């Protein structure tokens, strides 16, 4: 996936911190059991003005095991389209619904 993304002209970081350091918008799309750790890394590596979304479907901070400080920075969304297939080569178009509370 890294090689395919690079060939497609997408900058690929070597770590979460490297990938999001200068980002204004971050979408976290990882398996649910990895969300809390990745969100923690993203929050600690981005500027305060960065918008951070997750596509884990579940919205409540306790359901996705986010600490309060992390949950205050991460907006839960729900993917509206997709498939059972994974990997960069399967990406088509992504639509998200966000909780505006």
C-alpha atoms as a PDB file:
ATOM      1  CA  UNK A   1       0.000   0.000   0.000  1.00  0.00           C
ATOM      2  CA  UNK A   2       2.814   2.432   0.863  1.00  0.00           C
ATOM      3  CA  UNK A   3       4.453   1.923  -2.540  1.00  0.00           C
ATOM      4  CA  UNK A   4       1.147   2.271  -4.426  1.00  0.00           C
ATOM      5  CA  UNK A   5       0.263   5.463  -2.558  1.00  0.00           C
ATOM      6  CA  UNK A   6       3.700   6.946  -3.206  1.00  0.00           C
ATOM      7  CA  UNK A   7       3.410   6.140  -6.919  1.00  0.00           C
ATOM      8  CA  UNK A   8       0.022   7.889  -6.916  1.00  0.00           C
ATOM      9  CA  UNK A   9       1.717  11.059  -5.653  1.00  0.00           C
ATOM     10  CA  UNK A  10       0.591  10.803  -2.037  1.00  0.00           C
ATOM     11  CA  UNK A  11       3.152  11.763   0.615  1.00  0.00           C
ATOM     12  CA  UNK A  12       3.561   8.768   2.907  1.00  0.00           C
ATOM     13  CA  UNK A  13       5.010   9.310   6.369  1.00  0.00           C
ATOM     14  CA  UNK A  14       7.231   6.895   8.239  1.00  0.00           C
ATOM     15  CA  UNK A  15       5.240   7.339  11.455  1.00  0.00           C
ATOM     16  CA  UNK A  16       1.909   8.773  12.573  1.00  0.00           C
ATOM     17  CA  UNK A  17       3.681  11.892  13.842  1.00  0.00           C
ATOM     18  CA  UNK A  18       5.515  12.332  10.533  1.00  0.00           C
ATOM     19  CA  UNK A  19       2.347  11.814   8.507  1.00  0.00           C
ATOM     20  CA  UNK A  20       0.213  14.369  10.382  1.00  0.00           C
ATOM     21  CA  UNK A  21       2.745  16.955  11.597  1.00  0.00           C
ATOM     22  CA  UNK A  22       1.716  19.723   9.141  1.00  0.00           C
ATOM     23  CA  UNK A  23      -1.853  18.581   8.519  1.00  0.00           C
ATOM     24  CA  UNK A  24      -4.877  20.831   8.851  1.00  0.00           C
ATOM     25  CA  UNK A  25      -7.238  17.860   8.513  1.00  0.00           C
ATOM     26  CA  UNK A  26      -6.644  14.261   9.610  1.00  0.00           C
ATOM     27  CA  UNK A  27      -8.968  11.298   9.057  1.00  0.00           C
ATOM     28  CA  UNK A  28      -8.161   8.319  11.271  1.00  0.00           C
ATOM     29  CA  UNK A  29      -9.343   5.130   9.574  1.00  0.00           C
ATOM     30  CA  UNK A  30      -7.958   2.185  11.514  1.00  0.00           C
ATOM     31  CA  UNK A  31      -9.451  -0.929  13.122  1.00  0.00           C
ATOM     32  CA  UNK A  32     -11.468  -0.087  16.239  1.00  0.00           C
ATOM     33  CA  UNK A  33      -8.993  -1.749  18.591  1.00  0.00           C
ATOM     34  CA  UNK A  34      -6.240   0.600  17.328  1.00  0.00           C
ATOM     35  CA  UNK A  35      -8.235   3.846  17.360  1.00  0.00           C
ATOM     36  CA  UNK A  36      -7.385   5.052  20.895  1.00  0.00           C
ATOM     37  CA  UNK A  37      -3.621   4.674  20.447  1.00  0.00           C
ATOM     38  CA  UNK A  38      -3.573   6.223  16.981  1.00  0.00           C
ATOM     39  CA  UNK A  39      -5.849   9.092  18.060  1.00  0.00           C
ATOM     40  CA  UNK A  40      -3.544   9.794  21.006  1.00  0.00           C
ATOM     41  CA  UNK A  41      -0.551   9.954  18.621  1.00  0.00           C
ATOM     42  CA  UNK A  42      -2.410  12.183  16.172  1.00  0.00           C
ATOM     43  CA  UNK A  43      -3.582  14.620  18.854  1.00  0.00           C
ATOM     44  CA  UNK A  44      -0.083  14.927  20.309  1.00  0.00           C
ATOM     45  CA  UNK A  45       1.466  15.443  16.846  1.00  0.00           C
ATOM     46  CA  UNK A  46      -0.872  18.011  15.257  1.00  0.00           C
ATOM     47  CA  UNK A  47      -1.316  21.730  15.745  1.00  0.00           C
ATOM     48  CA  UNK A  48      -4.209  22.854  17.943  1.00  0.00           C
ATOM     49  CA  UNK A  49      -6.071  24.200  14.893  1.00  0.00           C
ATOM     50  CA  UNK A  50      -6.039  20.845  13.065  1.00  0.00           C
ATOM     51  CA  UNK A  51      -9.382  19.122  12.561  1.00  0.00           C
ATOM     52  CA  UNK A  52      -9.219  15.435  13.475  1.00  0.00           C
ATOM     53  CA  UNK A  53     -11.908  12.950  12.428  1.00  0.00           C
ATOM     54  CA  UNK A  54     -12.225   9.224  12.984  1.00  0.00           C
ATOM     55  CA  UNK A  55     -14.218   6.805  10.847  1.00  0.00           C
ATOM     56  CA  UNK A  56     -14.777   4.139  13.492  1.00  0.00           C
ATOM     57  CA  UNK A  57     -18.589   4.294  13.289  1.00  0.00           C
ATOM     58  CA  UNK A  58     -18.987   4.360  17.069  1.00  0.00           C
ATOM     59  CA  UNK A  59     -19.323   7.858  18.485  1.00  0.00           C
ATOM     60  CA  UNK A  60     -19.192   7.844  22.284  1.00  0.00           C
ATOM     61  CA  UNK A  61     -15.715   8.409  23.710  1.00  0.00           C
ATOM     62  CA  UNK A  62     -16.111   5.483  26.107  1.00  0.00           C
ATOM     63  CA  UNK A  63     -17.207   3.185  23.273  1.00  0.00           C
ATOM     64  CA  UNK A  64     -14.022   3.901  21.334  1.00  0.00           C
ATOM     65  CA  UNK A  65     -11.926   4.107  24.518  1.00  0.00           C
ATOM     66  CA  UNK A  66     -10.747   7.691  24.002  1.00  0.00           C
ATOM     67  CA  UNK A  67      -9.403   9.618  26.970  1.00  0.00           C
ATOM     68  CA  UNK A  68     -11.220  12.917  27.618  1.00  0.00           C
ATOM     69  CA  UNK A  69      -8.396  15.135  26.325  1.00  0.00           C
ATOM     70  CA  UNK A  70      -8.216  13.112  23.098  1.00  0.00           C
ATOM     71  CA  UNK A  71     -12.001  12.884  22.697  1.00  0.00           C
ATOM     72  CA  UNK A  72     -12.224  16.674  22.964  1.00  0.00           C
ATOM     73  CA  UNK A  73     -10.116  16.975  19.780  1.00  0.00           C
ATOM     74  CA  UNK A  74     -11.478  14.074  17.706  1.00  0.00           C
ATOM     75  CA  UNK A  75     -14.783  14.213  15.825  1.00  0.00           C
ATOM     76  CA  UNK A  76     -16.498  10.862  15.328  1.00  0.00           C
ATOM     77  CA  UNK A  77     -17.875  10.096  11.884  1.00  0.00           C
ATOM     78  CA  UNK A  78     -19.556   7.165  10.222  1.00  0.00           C
ATOM     79  CA  UNK A  79     -18.532   5.947   6.777  1.00  0.00           C
ATOM     80  CA  UNK A  80     -21.484   5.906   4.383  1.00  0.00           C
ATOM     81  CA  UNK A  81     -19.910   3.771   1.710  1.00  0.00           C
ATOM     82  CA  UNK A  82     -17.267   1.125   1.462  1.00  0.00           C
ATOM     83  CA  UNK A  83     -16.767  -2.562   1.085  1.00  0.00           C
ATOM     84  CA  UNK A  84     -15.285  -5.530   2.832  1.00  0.00           C
ATOM     85  CA  UNK A  85     -12.085  -4.995   0.844  1.00  0.00           C
ATOM     86  CA  UNK A  86      -9.124  -3.094   2.284  1.00  0.00           C
ATOM     87  CA  UNK A  87      -5.933  -1.498   1.101  1.00  0.00           C
ATOM     88  CA  UNK A  88      -4.984   1.528  -0.960  1.00  0.00           C
ATOM     89  CA  UNK A  89      -5.852  -0.136  -4.260  1.00  0.00           C
ATOM     90  CA  UNK A  90      -9.476  -0.533  -3.083  1.00  0.00           C
ATOM     91  CA  UNK A  91     -10.026   3.171  -2.316  1.00  0.00           C
ATOM     92  CA  UNK A  92     -12.671   4.797  -4.503  1.00  0.00           C
ATOM     93  CA  UNK A  93     -14.522   7.664  -2.880  1.00  0.00           C
ATOM     94  CA  UNK A  94     -15.290   8.305   0.763  1.00  0.00           C
ATOM     95  CA  UNK A  95     -18.397   9.913   2.182  1.00  0.00           C
ATOM     96  CA  UNK A  96     -18.716  10.645   5.888  1.00  0.00           C
ATOM     97  CA  UNK A  97     -21.464  11.659   8.265  1.00  0.00           C
ATOM     98  CA  UNK A  98     -20.260  13.689  11.250  1.00  0.00           C
ATOM     99  CA  UNK A  99     -21.847  14.208  14.631  1.00  0.00           C
ATOM    100  CA  UNK A 100     -22.247  17.980  14.948  1.00  0.00           C
ATOM    101  CA  UNK A 101     -22.834  18.003  18.710  1.00  0.00           C
END
